[in-house]
Amino acid sequence: SLRNNLATKEIPVLLLTARRDKEDIALGFSCGADDYVVKPFKPVDLVERVNKMIAARRKSLVRH
């Protein structure tokens, strides 16, 4: 798993999928995803989510 590997545990994970059932979304987050985007989506929304994930990761790295 990406979260269990020291080299990858800090990399933000965004799932981009057509699977929209609540169970699929819950599974995605339980597997370590930081965000979950369902197709179809607006490109501007995807860019906003990615930017938020990057900003959050930067803040967490500064605290450490």
N, C-alpha and C. Protein backbone atom coordinates (compact mmCIF):
# COMPACT_ATOMS: atom_id res chain seq x y z
N SER A 1 0.84 -1.19 0.00
CA SER A 1 0.00 0.00 0.00
C SER A 1 0.88 1.25 0.00
N LEU A 2 0.42 2.27 -0.65
CA LEU A 2 1.16 3.54 -0.69
C LEU A 2 1.34 4.13 0.70
N ARG A 3 0.35 3.97 1.55
CA ARG A 3 0.41 4.55 2.90
C ARG A 3 1.38 3.81 3.82
N ASN A 4 1.68 2.56 3.52
CA ASN A 4 2.58 1.77 4.35
C ASN A 4 4.03 1.86 3.91
N ASN A 5 4.28 2.48 2.77
CA ASN A 5 5.63 2.59 2.22
C ASN A 5 6.20 3.96 2.59
N LEU A 6 7.35 3.98 3.25
CA LEU A 6 7.96 5.24 3.67
C LEU A 6 8.21 6.19 2.50
N ALA A 7 8.52 5.64 1.35
CA ALA A 7 8.84 6.47 0.19
C ALA A 7 7.60 7.13 -0.43
N THR A 8 6.42 6.58 -0.18
CA THR A 8 5.20 7.09 -0.83
C THR A 8 4.10 7.52 0.13
N LYS A 9 4.31 7.35 1.42
CA LYS A 9 3.21 7.59 2.37
C LYS A 9 2.74 9.04 2.42
N GLU A 10 3.57 9.99 2.00
CA GLU A 10 3.20 11.40 2.04
C GLU A 10 2.63 11.91 0.72
N ILE A 11 2.55 11.05 -0.29
CA ILE A 11 2.02 11.46 -1.59
C ILE A 11 0.50 11.50 -1.52
N PRO A 12 -0.11 12.64 -1.87
CA PRO A 12 -1.58 12.72 -1.89
C PRO A 12 -2.16 11.77 -2.94
N VAL A 13 -3.27 11.15 -2.59
CA VAL A 13 -3.93 10.20 -3.50
C VAL A 13 -5.34 10.69 -3.78
N LEU A 14 -5.65 10.89 -5.05
CA LEU A 14 -6.98 11.28 -5.49
C LEU A 14 -7.48 10.19 -6.42
N LEU A 15 -8.62 9.62 -6.10
CA LEU A 15 -9.22 8.61 -6.97
C LEU A 15 -10.15 9.30 -7.96
N LEU A 16 -9.96 9.02 -9.22
CA LEU A 16 -10.77 9.57 -10.30
C LEU A 16 -11.45 8.38 -10.97
N THR A 17 -12.77 8.27 -10.81
CA THR A 17 -13.46 7.05 -11.20
C THR A 17 -14.90 7.32 -11.62
N ALA A 18 -15.49 6.36 -12.28
CA ALA A 18 -16.90 6.42 -12.62
C ALA A 18 -17.76 5.74 -11.55
N ARG A 19 -17.12 5.13 -10.57
CA ARG A 19 -17.85 4.41 -9.52
C ARG A 19 -18.38 5.42 -8.50
N ARG A 20 -19.70 5.51 -8.40
CA ARG A 20 -20.30 6.53 -7.57
C ARG A 20 -21.13 6.02 -6.40
N ASP A 21 -21.21 4.70 -6.25
CA ASP A 21 -21.97 4.15 -5.12
C ASP A 21 -21.30 4.53 -3.80
N LYS A 22 -22.11 4.73 -2.78
CA LYS A 22 -21.58 5.10 -1.46
C LYS A 22 -20.56 4.09 -0.96
N GLU A 23 -20.80 2.82 -1.26
CA GLU A 23 -19.89 1.77 -0.81
C GLU A 23 -18.52 1.91 -1.49
N ASP A 24 -18.53 2.24 -2.77
CA ASP A 24 -17.27 2.43 -3.50
C ASP A 24 -16.49 3.64 -2.97
N ILE A 25 -17.21 4.70 -2.69
CA ILE A 25 -16.57 5.90 -2.16
C ILE A 25 -15.97 5.61 -0.78
N ALA A 26 -16.75 4.94 0.06
CA ALA A 26 -16.25 4.59 1.40
C ALA A 26 -15.03 3.69 1.30
N LEU A 27 -15.05 2.74 0.38
CA LEU A 27 -13.91 1.85 0.19
C LEU A 27 -12.68 2.62 -0.27
N GLY A 28 -12.87 3.56 -1.17
CA GLY A 28 -11.76 4.38 -1.64
C GLY A 28 -11.09 5.13 -0.50
N PHE A 29 -11.89 5.75 0.35
CA PHE A 29 -11.32 6.48 1.48
C PHE A 29 -10.70 5.53 2.51
N SER A 30 -11.32 4.39 2.72
CA SER A 30 -10.76 3.44 3.69
C SER A 30 -9.44 2.84 3.21
N CYS A 31 -9.22 2.87 1.91
CA CYS A 31 -7.95 2.37 1.35
C CYS A 31 -6.86 3.45 1.36
N GLY A 32 -7.20 4.65 1.83
CA GLY A 32 -6.19 5.68 1.98
C GLY A 32 -6.29 6.86 1.04
N ALA A 33 -7.32 6.93 0.23
CA ALA A 33 -7.45 8.08 -0.67
C ALA A 33 -7.67 9.35 0.13
N ASP A 34 -7.10 10.44 -0.34
CA ASP A 34 -7.31 11.75 0.27
C ASP A 34 -8.54 12.44 -0.30
N ASP A 35 -8.90 12.10 -1.53
CA ASP A 35 -10.09 12.67 -2.16
C ASP A 35 -10.60 11.68 -3.19
N TYR A 36 -11.83 11.88 -3.63
CA TYR A 36 -12.51 10.95 -4.53
C TYR A 36 -13.33 11.79 -5.50
N VAL A 37 -13.05 11.69 -6.78
CA VAL A 37 -13.77 12.46 -7.80
C VAL A 37 -14.47 11.49 -8.74
N VAL A 38 -15.76 11.74 -8.96
CA VAL A 38 -16.57 10.88 -9.81
C VAL A 38 -16.74 11.53 -11.18
N LYS A 39 -16.55 10.73 -12.23
CA LYS A 39 -16.79 11.18 -13.60
C LYS A 39 -18.28 11.22 -13.85
N PRO A 40 -18.77 12.09 -14.68
CA PRO A 40 -18.05 13.19 -15.29
C PRO A 40 -17.80 14.31 -14.28
N PHE A 41 -16.79 15.08 -14.52
CA PHE A 41 -16.43 16.18 -13.64
C PHE A 41 -16.01 17.37 -14.48
N LYS A 42 -16.01 18.54 -13.87
CA LYS A 42 -15.54 19.74 -14.54
C LYS A 42 -14.04 19.85 -14.30
N PRO A 43 -13.27 20.08 -15.33
CA PRO A 43 -11.82 20.21 -15.15
C PRO A 43 -11.43 21.23 -14.08
N VAL A 44 -12.14 22.32 -14.01
CA VAL A 44 -11.82 23.34 -13.01
C VAL A 44 -12.00 22.79 -11.59
N ASP A 45 -12.98 21.92 -11.40
CA ASP A 45 -13.19 21.30 -10.08
C ASP A 45 -12.04 20.36 -9.73
N LEU A 46 -11.57 19.61 -10.71
CA LEU A 46 -10.44 18.71 -10.48
C LEU A 46 -9.19 19.50 -10.11
N VAL A 47 -8.92 20.56 -10.84
CA VAL A 47 -7.75 21.40 -10.55
C VAL A 47 -7.84 21.98 -9.15
N GLU A 48 -9.02 22.42 -8.76
CA GLU A 48 -9.21 22.97 -7.41
C GLU A 48 -8.93 21.92 -6.33
N ARG A 49 -9.42 20.73 -6.52
CA ARG A 49 -9.19 19.66 -5.54
C ARG A 49 -7.71 19.28 -5.45
N VAL A 50 -7.05 19.20 -6.59
CA VAL A 50 -5.63 18.89 -6.59
C VAL A 50 -4.84 19.98 -5.88
N ASN A 51 -5.16 21.22 -6.16
CA ASN A 51 -4.47 22.34 -5.49
C ASN A 51 -4.70 22.31 -3.98
N LYS A 52 -5.90 21.98 -3.55
CA LYS A 52 -6.17 21.88 -2.11
C LYS A 52 -5.37 20.75 -1.47
N MET A 53 -5.25 19.63 -2.17
CA MET A 53 -4.49 18.51 -1.64
C MET A 53 -3.01 18.87 -1.52
N ILE A 54 -2.49 19.56 -2.51
CA ILE A 54 -1.08 19.97 -2.47
C ILE A 54 -0.85 20.95 -1.34
N ALA A 55 -1.75 21.92 -1.17
CA ALA A 55 -1.61 22.91 -0.10
C ALA A 55 -1.68 22.23 1.27
N ALA A 56 -2.60 21.29 1.43
CA ALA A 56 -2.72 20.59 2.71
C ALA A 56 -1.47 19.78 3.01
N ARG A 57 -0.92 19.14 2.01
CA ARG A 57 0.29 18.34 2.20
C ARG A 57 1.48 19.23 2.56
N ARG A 58 1.57 20.38 1.91
CA ARG A 58 2.66 21.32 2.23
C ARG A 58 2.56 21.79 3.67
N LYS A 59 1.33 22.09 4.12
CA LYS A 59 1.14 22.54 5.51
C LYS A 59 1.56 21.44 6.49
N SER A 60 1.20 20.19 6.17
CA SER A 60 1.55 19.10 7.09
C SER A 60 3.05 18.88 7.12
N LEU A 61 3.73 19.09 6.02
CA LEU A 61 5.19 18.92 5.98
C LEU A 61 5.89 20.03 6.75
N VAL A 62 5.35 21.23 6.71
CA VAL A 62 5.96 22.35 7.44
C VAL A 62 5.84 22.12 8.94
N ARG A 63 4.74 21.53 9.39
CA ARG A 63 4.54 21.25 10.81
C ARG A 63 5.52 20.21 11.33
N HIS A 64 5.99 19.34 10.45
CA HIS A 64 6.89 18.26 10.87
C HIS A 64 8.28 18.79 10.76
